[in-house]
C-alpha atoms as a PDB file:
ATOM      1  CA  UNK A   1       0.000   0.000   0.000  1.00  0.00           C
ATOM      2  CA  UNK A   2       1.424   3.350  -1.049  1.00  0.00           C
ATOM      3  CA  UNK A   3       1.640   6.263   1.366  1.00  0.00           C
ATOM      4  CA  UNK A   4      -0.896   8.269  -0.656  1.00  0.00           C
ATOM      5  CA  UNK A   5      -3.502   5.512  -0.349  1.00  0.00           C
ATOM      6  CA  UNK A   6      -3.582   5.493   3.438  1.00  0.00           C
ATOM      7  CA  UNK A   7      -7.254   5.409   4.517  1.00  0.00           C
ATOM      8  CA  UNK A   8      -6.486   7.244   7.759  1.00  0.00           C
ATOM      9  CA  UNK A   9      -5.115  10.208   5.798  1.00  0.00           C
ATOM     10  CA  UNK A  10      -8.323  10.335   3.783  1.00  0.00           C
ATOM     11  CA  UNK A  11     -10.413  10.153   6.952  1.00  0.00           C
ATOM     12  CA  UNK A  12      -8.381  12.958   8.526  1.00  0.00           C
ATOM     13  CA  UNK A  13      -8.805  15.149   5.458  1.00  0.00           C
ATOM     14  CA  UNK A  14     -12.548  14.466   5.351  1.00  0.00           C
ATOM     15  CA  UNK A  15     -13.019  15.292   9.019  1.00  0.00           C
ATOM     16  CA  UNK A  16     -10.907  18.429   8.601  1.00  0.00           C
ATOM     17  CA  UNK A  17     -13.059  19.604   5.705  1.00  0.00           C
ATOM     18  CA  UNK A  18     -16.244  18.874   7.633  1.00  0.00           C
ATOM     19  CA  UNK A  19     -15.081  20.701  10.734  1.00  0.00           C
ATOM     20  CA  UNK A  20     -13.903  23.689   8.662  1.00  0.00           C
ATOM     21  CA  UNK A  21     -17.209  24.090   6.861  1.00  0.00           C
ATOM     22  CA  UNK A  22     -19.543  23.296   9.745  1.00  0.00           C
ATOM     23  CA  UNK A  23     -17.547  25.080  12.440  1.00  0.00           C
ATOM     24  CA  UNK A  24     -17.074  28.352  10.580  1.00  0.00           C
ATOM     25  CA  UNK A  25     -20.706  28.392   9.497  1.00  0.00           C
ATOM     26  CA  UNK A  26     -21.977  27.778  13.011  1.00  0.00           C
ATOM     27  CA  UNK A  27     -19.707  30.429  14.493  1.00  0.00           C
ATOM     28  CA  UNK A  28     -20.941  32.910  11.891  1.00  0.00           C
ATOM     29  CA  UNK A  29     -24.576  32.085  12.644  1.00  0.00           C
ATOM     30  CA  UNK A  30     -24.190  32.352  16.410  1.00  0.00           C
ATOM     31  CA  UNK A  31     -22.219  35.584  16.162  1.00  0.00           C
ATOM     32  CA  UNK A  32     -24.831  37.006  13.800  1.00  0.00           C
ATOM     33  CA  UNK A  33     -27.638  36.066  16.169  1.00  0.00           C
ATOM     34  CA  UNK A  34     -25.780  37.674  19.060  1.00  0.00           C
ATOM     35  CA  UNK A  35     -25.343  40.877  17.057  1.00  0.00           C
ATOM     36  CA  UNK A  36     -29.049  40.796  16.127  1.00  0.00           C
ATOM     37  CA  UNK A  37     -29.942  40.594  19.811  1.00  0.00           C
ATOM     38  CA  UNK A  38     -27.609  43.488  20.640  1.00  0.00           C
ATOM     39  CA  UNK A  39     -28.901  45.833  17.933  1.00  0.00           C
ATOM     40  CA  UNK A  40     -32.474  44.450  17.503  1.00  0.00           C
ATOM     41  CA  UNK A  41     -32.050  43.909  13.775  1.00  0.00           C
ATOM     42  CA  UNK A  42     -33.697  40.527  13.532  1.00  0.00           C
ATOM     43  CA  UNK A  43     -32.449  38.648  10.464  1.00  0.00           C
ATOM     44  CA  UNK A  44     -29.801  41.052   9.134  1.00  0.00           C
ATOM     45  CA  UNK A  45     -26.678  39.970  11.031  1.00  0.00           C
ATOM     46  CA  UNK A  46     -27.802  36.340  11.054  1.00  0.00           C
ATOM     47  CA  UNK A  47     -27.738  36.296   7.264  1.00  0.00           C
ATOM     48  CA  UNK A  48     -24.480  38.241   7.107  1.00  0.00           C
ATOM     49  CA  UNK A  49     -22.932  35.891   9.664  1.00  0.00           C
ATOM     50  CA  UNK A  50     -24.103  32.871   7.681  1.00  0.00           C
ATOM     51  CA  UNK A  51     -22.491  34.142   4.491  1.00  0.00           C
ATOM     52  CA  UNK A  52     -19.316  35.215   6.285  1.00  0.00           C
ATOM     53  CA  UNK A  53     -19.072  31.788   7.951  1.00  0.00           C
ATOM     54  CA  UNK A  54     -19.589  30.003   4.652  1.00  0.00           C
ATOM     55  CA  UNK A  55     -16.950  32.168   2.995  1.00  0.00           C
ATOM     56  CA  UNK A  56     -14.460  31.572   5.804  1.00  0.00           C
ATOM     57  CA  UNK A  57     -15.171  27.837   5.781  1.00  0.00           C
ATOM     58  CA  UNK A  58     -14.745  27.627   2.022  1.00  0.00           C
ATOM     59  CA  UNK A  59     -11.487  29.568   2.150  1.00  0.00           C
ATOM     60  CA  UNK A  60     -10.182  27.370   4.947  1.00  0.00           C
ATOM     61  CA  UNK A  61     -11.200  24.218   3.098  1.00  0.00           C
ATOM     62  CA  UNK A  62      -9.447  25.313  -0.084  1.00  0.00           C
ATOM     63  CA  UNK A  63      -6.313  26.127   1.910  1.00  0.00           C
ATOM     64  CA  UNK A  64      -6.470  22.753   3.695  1.00  0.00           C
ATOM     65  CA  UNK A  65      -6.881  20.774   0.466  1.00  0.00           C
ATOM     66  CA  UNK A  66      -4.083  22.682  -1.233  1.00  0.00           C
ATOM     67  CA  UNK A  67      -1.787  21.954   1.704  1.00  0.00           C
ATOM     68  CA  UNK A  68      -2.776  18.270   1.586  1.00  0.00           C
ATOM     69  CA  UNK A  69      -2.142  17.982  -2.165  1.00  0.00           C
ATOM     70  CA  UNK A  70       1.115  19.920  -1.990  1.00  0.00           C
ATOM     71  CA  UNK A  71       0.015  22.865  -4.146  1.00  0.00           C
ATOM     72  CA  UNK A  72       0.423  25.426  -1.354  1.00  0.00           C
END
């Protein structure tokens, strides 16, 4: 079995991608809801936090995959 075909490496990359996307999105949502409660602007910061979390998660995922494939 070659080093690139290690199933544990694939599992680690998959869990890293999942945690990047889900974690950043959830942090963005919770921060947006907190800001909405502070400024009483019901869905505005929730939506902005969702998009910011998705953008941060996507950027982090791209960076992680590039590091894994050796392109970074």
